[in-house]
Amino acid sequence: MQRRTFFRKLFGSLGVAVASPAAVAESRTVLIQESPIAGFQFHRGDAIWSSLGVGKQLALVREPANTHDPDAVAVYFGDEMLGYVPRGENGAIAQMLDRGETLEATISKLQVAEDPWERIRFSVFLV
């Protein structure tokens, strides 16, 4: 059997496919964490609740000068601050942002609840 015929049969039987660059880039997105938003009740989240939706983009903004927490990371929807990455969960996110790594955050769950810790969950991805 010729080499070309052998490889054609081998790769054809394995179903080898070449991924597009977009698919490869998408596969490199890694979920870092999913968290509730801390302090939601102290910001304008209730005022813009109708604009929020699962899958909507959020912005993560480092606040290294924050007097309460040097690892503080604020969570924004557009120009509106929703709260913070919880203190016990913000260390790795703060370090990654400080290193200039590209992180994306999206709303992963919305729920009408009395407890503000149950209203919004968000996911953070390393891109």
N, C-alpha and C. Protein backbone atom coordinates (compact mmCIF):
# COMPACT_ATOMS: atom_id res chain seq x y z
N MET A 1 0.85 -1.17 0.00
CA MET A 1 0.00 0.00 0.00
C MET A 1 0.90 1.23 0.00
N GLN A 2 0.53 2.18 -0.81
CA GLN A 2 1.31 3.40 -0.87
C GLN A 2 1.05 4.25 0.37
N ARG A 3 2.07 5.04 0.70
CA ARG A 3 1.98 5.90 1.89
C ARG A 3 0.78 6.83 1.81
N ARG A 4 0.54 7.45 0.67
CA ARG A 4 -0.56 8.39 0.50
C ARG A 4 -1.90 7.69 0.74
N THR A 5 -2.07 6.52 0.21
CA THR A 5 -3.30 5.75 0.38
C THR A 5 -3.47 5.37 1.85
N PHE A 6 -2.38 4.98 2.49
CA PHE A 6 -2.41 4.60 3.90
C PHE A 6 -2.90 5.77 4.76
N PHE A 7 -2.30 6.96 4.57
CA PHE A 7 -2.69 8.11 5.38
C PHE A 7 -4.13 8.55 5.08
N ARG A 8 -4.54 8.47 3.84
CA ARG A 8 -5.90 8.84 3.48
C ARG A 8 -6.89 7.93 4.20
N LYS A 9 -6.60 6.64 4.21
CA LYS A 9 -7.49 5.70 4.90
C LYS A 9 -7.44 5.90 6.41
N LEU A 10 -6.24 6.13 6.93
CA LEU A 10 -6.10 6.32 8.37
C LEU A 10 -6.83 7.57 8.84
N PHE A 11 -6.56 8.71 8.24
CA PHE A 11 -7.19 9.94 8.67
C PHE A 11 -8.67 9.99 8.32
N GLY A 12 -9.03 9.40 7.23
CA GLY A 12 -10.44 9.34 6.86
C GLY A 12 -11.23 8.51 7.85
N SER A 13 -10.65 7.43 8.33
CA SER A 13 -11.36 6.57 9.29
C SER A 13 -11.41 7.19 10.68
N LEU A 14 -10.47 8.06 11.00
CA LEU A 14 -10.47 8.72 12.30
C LEU A 14 -11.37 9.93 12.34
N GLY A 15 -11.80 10.41 11.21
CA GLY A 15 -12.66 11.59 11.16
C GLY A 15 -11.93 12.83 11.60
N VAL A 16 -10.69 12.99 11.21
CA VAL A 16 -9.89 14.14 11.59
C VAL A 16 -10.46 15.39 10.92
N ALA A 17 -10.61 16.45 11.70
CA ALA A 17 -11.10 17.72 11.18
C ALA A 17 -10.18 18.83 11.64
N VAL A 18 -10.09 19.84 10.85
CA VAL A 18 -9.28 21.00 11.20
C VAL A 18 -10.22 22.07 11.74
N ALA A 19 -9.93 22.59 12.91
CA ALA A 19 -10.77 23.61 13.53
C ALA A 19 -10.45 24.97 12.92
N SER A 20 -11.48 25.79 12.81
CA SER A 20 -11.28 27.15 12.33
C SER A 20 -10.58 27.96 13.41
N PRO A 21 -9.90 29.06 13.04
CA PRO A 21 -9.25 29.90 14.05
C PRO A 21 -10.23 30.40 15.11
N ALA A 22 -11.46 30.70 14.72
CA ALA A 22 -12.45 31.18 15.69
C ALA A 22 -12.78 30.09 16.70
N ALA A 23 -12.90 28.85 16.24
CA ALA A 23 -13.19 27.75 17.15
C ALA A 23 -12.03 27.50 18.10
N VAL A 24 -10.81 27.63 17.61
CA VAL A 24 -9.64 27.45 18.46
C VAL A 24 -9.60 28.54 19.52
N ALA A 25 -9.86 29.80 19.12
CA ALA A 25 -9.85 30.91 20.07
C ALA A 25 -10.94 30.72 21.12
N GLU A 26 -12.12 30.27 20.69
CA GLU A 26 -13.21 30.07 21.62
C GLU A 26 -12.88 28.96 22.61
N SER A 27 -12.19 27.95 22.16
CA SER A 27 -11.87 26.84 23.05
C SER A 27 -10.82 27.23 24.09
N ARG A 28 -10.15 28.34 23.91
CA ARG A 28 -9.14 28.80 24.87
C ARG A 28 -9.75 29.60 26.00
N THR A 29 -11.04 29.85 25.97
CA THR A 29 -11.70 30.56 27.05
C THR A 29 -11.89 29.59 28.21
N VAL A 30 -11.40 29.99 29.38
CA VAL A 30 -11.43 29.12 30.55
C VAL A 30 -12.23 29.78 31.66
N LEU A 31 -13.20 29.06 32.20
CA LEU A 31 -13.96 29.58 33.34
C LEU A 31 -13.06 29.62 34.56
N ILE A 32 -12.92 30.80 35.15
CA ILE A 32 -12.10 30.98 36.34
C ILE A 32 -12.94 30.78 37.60
N GLN A 33 -14.10 31.42 37.63
CA GLN A 33 -14.97 31.27 38.79
C GLN A 33 -16.36 31.79 38.50
N GLU A 34 -17.30 31.37 39.32
CA GLU A 34 -18.66 31.90 39.31
C GLU A 34 -18.96 32.34 40.73
N SER A 35 -19.49 33.54 40.87
CA SER A 35 -19.68 34.13 42.20
C SER A 35 -20.95 34.96 42.23
N PRO A 36 -21.45 35.23 43.44
CA PRO A 36 -22.49 36.26 43.57
C PRO A 36 -21.81 37.62 43.57
N ILE A 37 -22.58 38.67 43.40
CA ILE A 37 -22.03 40.02 43.48
C ILE A 37 -22.20 40.52 44.91
N ALA A 38 -21.10 40.88 45.53
CA ALA A 38 -21.12 41.39 46.90
C ALA A 38 -21.50 42.86 46.91
N GLY A 39 -22.33 43.25 47.86
CA GLY A 39 -22.70 44.67 48.00
C GLY A 39 -23.73 45.15 46.99
N PHE A 40 -24.39 44.23 46.32
CA PHE A 40 -25.39 44.61 45.31
C PHE A 40 -26.41 45.60 45.87
N GLN A 41 -26.82 45.40 47.10
CA GLN A 41 -27.86 46.23 47.71
C GLN A 41 -27.42 47.67 47.95
N PHE A 42 -26.11 47.94 47.89
CA PHE A 42 -25.60 49.29 48.15
C PHE A 42 -25.37 50.11 46.88
N HIS A 43 -25.66 49.53 45.74
CA HIS A 43 -25.41 50.22 44.47
C HIS A 43 -26.70 50.28 43.67
N ARG A 44 -26.62 50.64 42.39
CA ARG A 44 -27.82 50.90 41.60
C ARG A 44 -28.37 49.70 40.84
N GLY A 45 -28.06 48.51 41.30
CA GLY A 45 -28.52 47.31 40.62
C GLY A 45 -30.03 47.22 40.50
N ASP A 46 -30.74 47.57 41.57
CA ASP A 46 -32.20 47.52 41.52
C ASP A 46 -32.76 48.50 40.49
N ALA A 47 -32.13 49.66 40.35
CA ALA A 47 -32.61 50.68 39.41
C ALA A 47 -32.45 50.24 37.96
N ILE A 48 -31.47 49.40 37.68
CA ILE A 48 -31.24 48.98 36.29
C ILE A 48 -31.57 47.49 36.08
N TRP A 49 -32.26 46.89 37.03
CA TRP A 49 -32.58 45.46 36.98
C TRP A 49 -33.17 45.04 35.64
N SER A 50 -34.07 45.83 35.09
CA SER A 50 -34.74 45.45 33.83
C SER A 50 -33.77 45.42 32.64
N SER A 51 -32.64 46.08 32.76
CA SER A 51 -31.63 46.08 31.68
C SER A 51 -30.69 44.89 31.76
N LEU A 52 -30.65 44.23 32.90
CA LEU A 52 -29.74 43.10 33.10
C LEU A 52 -30.32 41.84 32.46
N GLY A 53 -29.45 40.96 32.06
CA GLY A 53 -29.88 39.69 31.46
C GLY A 53 -28.77 38.68 31.48
N VAL A 54 -29.14 37.42 31.54
CA VAL A 54 -28.15 36.34 31.52
C VAL A 54 -27.35 36.44 30.23
N GLY A 55 -26.04 36.35 30.35
CA GLY A 55 -25.16 36.44 29.19
C GLY A 55 -24.64 37.84 28.92
N LYS A 56 -25.21 38.85 29.55
CA LYS A 56 -24.76 40.23 29.32
C LYS A 56 -23.37 40.43 29.92
N GLN A 57 -22.58 41.25 29.21
CA GLN A 57 -21.19 41.53 29.61
C GLN A 57 -21.13 42.42 30.84
N LEU A 58 -20.17 42.13 31.68
CA LEU A 58 -19.86 42.95 32.83
C LEU A 58 -18.40 43.37 32.73
N ALA A 59 -18.05 44.43 33.42
CA ALA A 59 -16.65 44.88 33.45
C ALA A 59 -16.11 44.69 34.86
N LEU A 60 -14.87 44.24 34.92
CA LEU A 60 -14.17 44.07 36.20
C LEU A 60 -13.13 45.18 36.31
N VAL A 61 -13.21 45.95 37.38
CA VAL A 61 -12.32 47.11 37.55
C VAL A 61 -11.58 46.98 38.88
N ARG A 62 -10.26 46.92 38.79
CA ARG A 62 -9.43 46.83 40.00
C ARG A 62 -9.49 48.12 40.79
N GLU A 63 -9.52 47.99 42.10
CA GLU A 63 -9.47 49.13 43.02
C GLU A 63 -8.36 48.87 44.04
N PRO A 64 -7.10 48.94 43.62
CA PRO A 64 -6.00 48.63 44.54
C PRO A 64 -5.88 49.59 45.71
N ALA A 65 -6.44 50.79 45.58
CA ALA A 65 -6.38 51.78 46.66
C ALA A 65 -7.59 51.68 47.60
N ASN A 66 -8.43 50.69 47.41
CA ASN A 66 -9.61 50.51 48.26
C ASN A 66 -9.15 50.28 49.70
N THR A 67 -9.63 51.13 50.61
CA THR A 67 -9.17 51.06 52.00
C THR A 67 -9.70 49.84 52.76
N HIS A 68 -10.77 49.23 52.27
CA HIS A 68 -11.35 48.06 52.95
C HIS A 68 -10.75 46.75 52.47
N ASP A 69 -10.24 46.73 51.23
CA ASP A 69 -9.72 45.49 50.67
C ASP A 69 -8.75 45.82 49.53
N PRO A 70 -7.45 45.56 49.72
CA PRO A 70 -6.47 45.87 48.67
C PRO A 70 -6.62 45.00 47.42
N ASP A 71 -7.38 43.90 47.51
CA ASP A 71 -7.64 43.05 46.34
C ASP A 71 -9.01 43.35 45.72
N ALA A 72 -9.61 44.47 46.06
CA ALA A 72 -10.96 44.79 45.60
C ALA A 72 -11.05 44.83 44.08
N VAL A 73 -12.13 44.22 43.57
CA VAL A 73 -12.44 44.24 42.14
C VAL A 73 -13.92 44.60 42.03
N ALA A 74 -14.20 45.78 41.48
CA ALA A 74 -15.57 46.23 41.29
C ALA A 74 -16.17 45.59 40.05
N VAL A 75 -17.49 45.40 40.08
CA VAL A 75 -18.22 44.80 38.95
C VAL A 75 -19.18 45.86 38.42
N TYR A 76 -19.05 46.14 37.11
CA TYR A 76 -19.87 47.16 36.46
C TYR A 76 -20.69 46.55 35.33
N PHE A 77 -21.88 47.12 35.16
CA PHE A 77 -22.70 46.87 33.97
C PHE A 77 -22.80 48.22 33.28
N GLY A 78 -22.08 48.37 32.17
CA GLY A 78 -21.99 49.68 31.53
C GLY A 78 -21.31 50.65 32.49
N ASP A 79 -21.95 51.78 32.74
CA ASP A 79 -21.40 52.78 33.66
C ASP A 79 -21.89 52.59 35.09
N GLU A 80 -22.72 51.60 35.31
CA GLU A 80 -23.33 51.40 36.64
C GLU A 80 -22.59 50.34 37.44
N MET A 81 -22.16 50.71 38.62
CA MET A 81 -21.51 49.75 39.50
C MET A 81 -22.57 48.87 40.15
N LEU A 82 -22.36 47.55 40.07
CA LEU A 82 -23.30 46.61 40.69
C LEU A 82 -22.82 46.14 42.06
N GLY A 83 -21.51 46.16 42.29
CA GLY A 83 -20.96 45.68 43.55
C GLY A 83 -19.53 45.22 43.33
N TYR A 84 -19.15 44.17 44.06
CA TYR A 84 -17.76 43.69 44.03
C TYR A 84 -17.69 42.17 43.89
N VAL A 85 -16.54 41.71 43.40
CA VAL A 85 -16.22 40.30 43.52
C VAL A 85 -16.08 40.05 45.02
N PRO A 86 -16.71 39.02 45.58
CA PRO A 86 -16.64 38.80 47.03
C PRO A 86 -15.20 38.74 47.54
N ARG A 87 -14.97 39.31 48.71
CA ARG A 87 -13.64 39.42 49.30
C ARG A 87 -12.90 38.09 49.36
N GLY A 88 -13.56 37.04 49.72
CA GLY A 88 -12.91 35.74 49.83
C GLY A 88 -12.61 35.09 48.50
N GLU A 89 -13.08 35.68 47.41
CA GLU A 89 -12.93 35.09 46.08
C GLU A 89 -12.21 36.02 45.09
N ASN A 90 -11.68 37.14 45.58
CA ASN A 90 -11.16 38.13 44.63
C ASN A 90 -9.65 38.11 44.43
N GLY A 91 -8.91 37.36 45.23
CA GLY A 91 -7.44 37.38 45.17
C GLY A 91 -6.88 37.01 43.82
N ALA A 92 -7.32 35.87 43.27
CA ALA A 92 -6.80 35.43 41.98
C ALA A 92 -7.20 36.38 40.86
N ILE A 93 -8.44 36.85 40.90
CA ILE A 93 -8.92 37.79 39.87
C ILE A 93 -8.10 39.08 39.93
N ALA A 94 -7.86 39.60 41.14
CA ALA A 94 -7.06 40.82 41.29
C ALA A 94 -5.66 40.63 40.73
N GLN A 95 -5.03 39.50 41.04
CA GLN A 95 -3.68 39.23 40.54
C GLN A 95 -3.66 39.14 39.02
N MET A 96 -4.65 38.48 38.45
CA MET A 96 -4.70 38.34 36.99
C MET A 96 -4.88 39.71 36.32
N LEU A 97 -5.77 40.52 36.87
CA LEU A 97 -5.97 41.87 36.32
C LEU A 97 -4.69 42.69 36.45
N ASP A 98 -4.02 42.58 37.60
CA ASP A 98 -2.77 43.33 37.81
C ASP A 98 -1.69 42.91 36.81
N ARG A 99 -1.71 41.65 36.39
CA ARG A 99 -0.73 41.17 35.40
C ARG A 99 -1.13 41.54 33.97
N GLY A 100 -2.32 42.09 33.81
CA GLY A 100 -2.77 42.50 32.48
C GLY A 100 -3.42 41.37 31.69
N GLU A 101 -3.81 40.31 32.37
CA GLU A 101 -4.47 39.21 31.67
C GLU A 101 -5.86 39.64 31.24
N THR A 102 -6.34 39.08 30.14
CA THR A 102 -7.65 39.42 29.62
C THR A 102 -8.70 38.54 30.28
N LEU A 103 -9.58 39.19 31.03
CA LEU A 103 -10.69 38.50 31.68
C LEU A 103 -11.99 39.06 31.15
N GLU A 104 -12.97 38.20 31.02
CA GLU A 104 -14.31 38.63 30.64
C GLU A 104 -15.26 38.13 31.70
N ALA A 105 -16.28 38.93 31.97
CA ALA A 105 -17.29 38.54 32.95
C ALA A 105 -18.67 38.69 32.33
N THR A 106 -19.53 37.75 32.64
CA THR A 106 -20.91 37.79 32.15
C THR A 106 -21.86 37.40 33.29
N ILE A 107 -23.08 37.85 33.16
CA ILE A 107 -24.11 37.47 34.12
C ILE A 107 -24.49 36.02 33.83
N SER A 108 -24.43 35.16 34.84
CA SER A 108 -24.76 33.76 34.64
C SER A 108 -26.11 33.38 35.25
N LYS A 109 -26.61 34.20 36.18
CA LYS A 109 -27.91 33.91 36.80
C LYS A 109 -28.51 35.18 37.37
N LEU A 110 -29.78 35.37 37.11
CA LEU A 110 -30.56 36.47 37.70
C LEU A 110 -31.75 35.85 38.42
N GLN A 111 -32.03 36.35 39.60
CA GLN A 111 -33.13 35.78 40.36
C GLN A 111 -33.70 36.86 41.26
N VAL A 112 -35.00 37.01 41.24
CA VAL A 112 -35.65 37.94 42.16
C VAL A 112 -35.64 37.25 43.52
N ALA A 113 -34.92 37.85 44.45
CA ALA A 113 -34.80 37.28 45.79
C ALA A 113 -34.63 38.39 46.80
N GLU A 114 -35.07 38.14 48.00
CA GLU A 114 -34.92 39.14 49.06
C GLU A 114 -33.45 39.28 49.47
N ASP A 115 -32.75 38.17 49.50
CA ASP A 115 -31.33 38.17 49.86
C ASP A 115 -30.51 38.68 48.67
N PRO A 116 -29.82 39.83 48.81
CA PRO A 116 -29.07 40.38 47.67
C PRO A 116 -27.96 39.45 47.17
N TRP A 117 -27.46 38.55 48.01
CA TRP A 117 -26.42 37.60 47.60
C TRP A 117 -26.97 36.56 46.62
N GLU A 118 -28.29 36.46 46.53
CA GLU A 118 -28.90 35.47 45.64
C GLU A 118 -29.41 36.09 44.34
N ARG A 119 -29.32 37.40 44.18
CA ARG A 119 -29.93 38.07 43.02
C ARG A 119 -29.14 37.87 41.73
N ILE A 120 -27.83 38.06 41.78
CA ILE A 120 -27.02 37.96 40.56
C ILE A 120 -25.81 37.07 40.82
N ARG A 121 -25.58 36.16 39.89
CA ARG A 121 -24.32 35.41 39.87
C ARG A 121 -23.64 35.77 38.55
N PHE A 122 -22.33 35.83 38.60
CA PHE A 122 -21.60 36.14 37.38
C PHE A 122 -20.43 35.18 37.22
N SER A 123 -20.03 34.99 35.99
CA SER A 123 -18.93 34.10 35.66
C SER A 123 -17.76 34.93 35.14
N VAL A 124 -16.56 34.51 35.49
CA VAL A 124 -15.34 35.18 35.04
C VAL A 124 -14.54 34.17 34.21
N PHE A 125 -14.14 34.61 33.02
CA PHE A 125 -13.42 33.75 32.09
C PHE A 125 -12.06 34.36 31.77
N LEU A 126 -11.06 33.50 31.65
CA LEU A 126 -9.75 33.90 31.14
C LEU A 126 -9.81 33.70 29.63
N VAL A 127 -9.48 34.74 28.89
CA VAL A 127 -9.58 34.68 27.43
C VAL A 127 -8.20 34.64 26.83
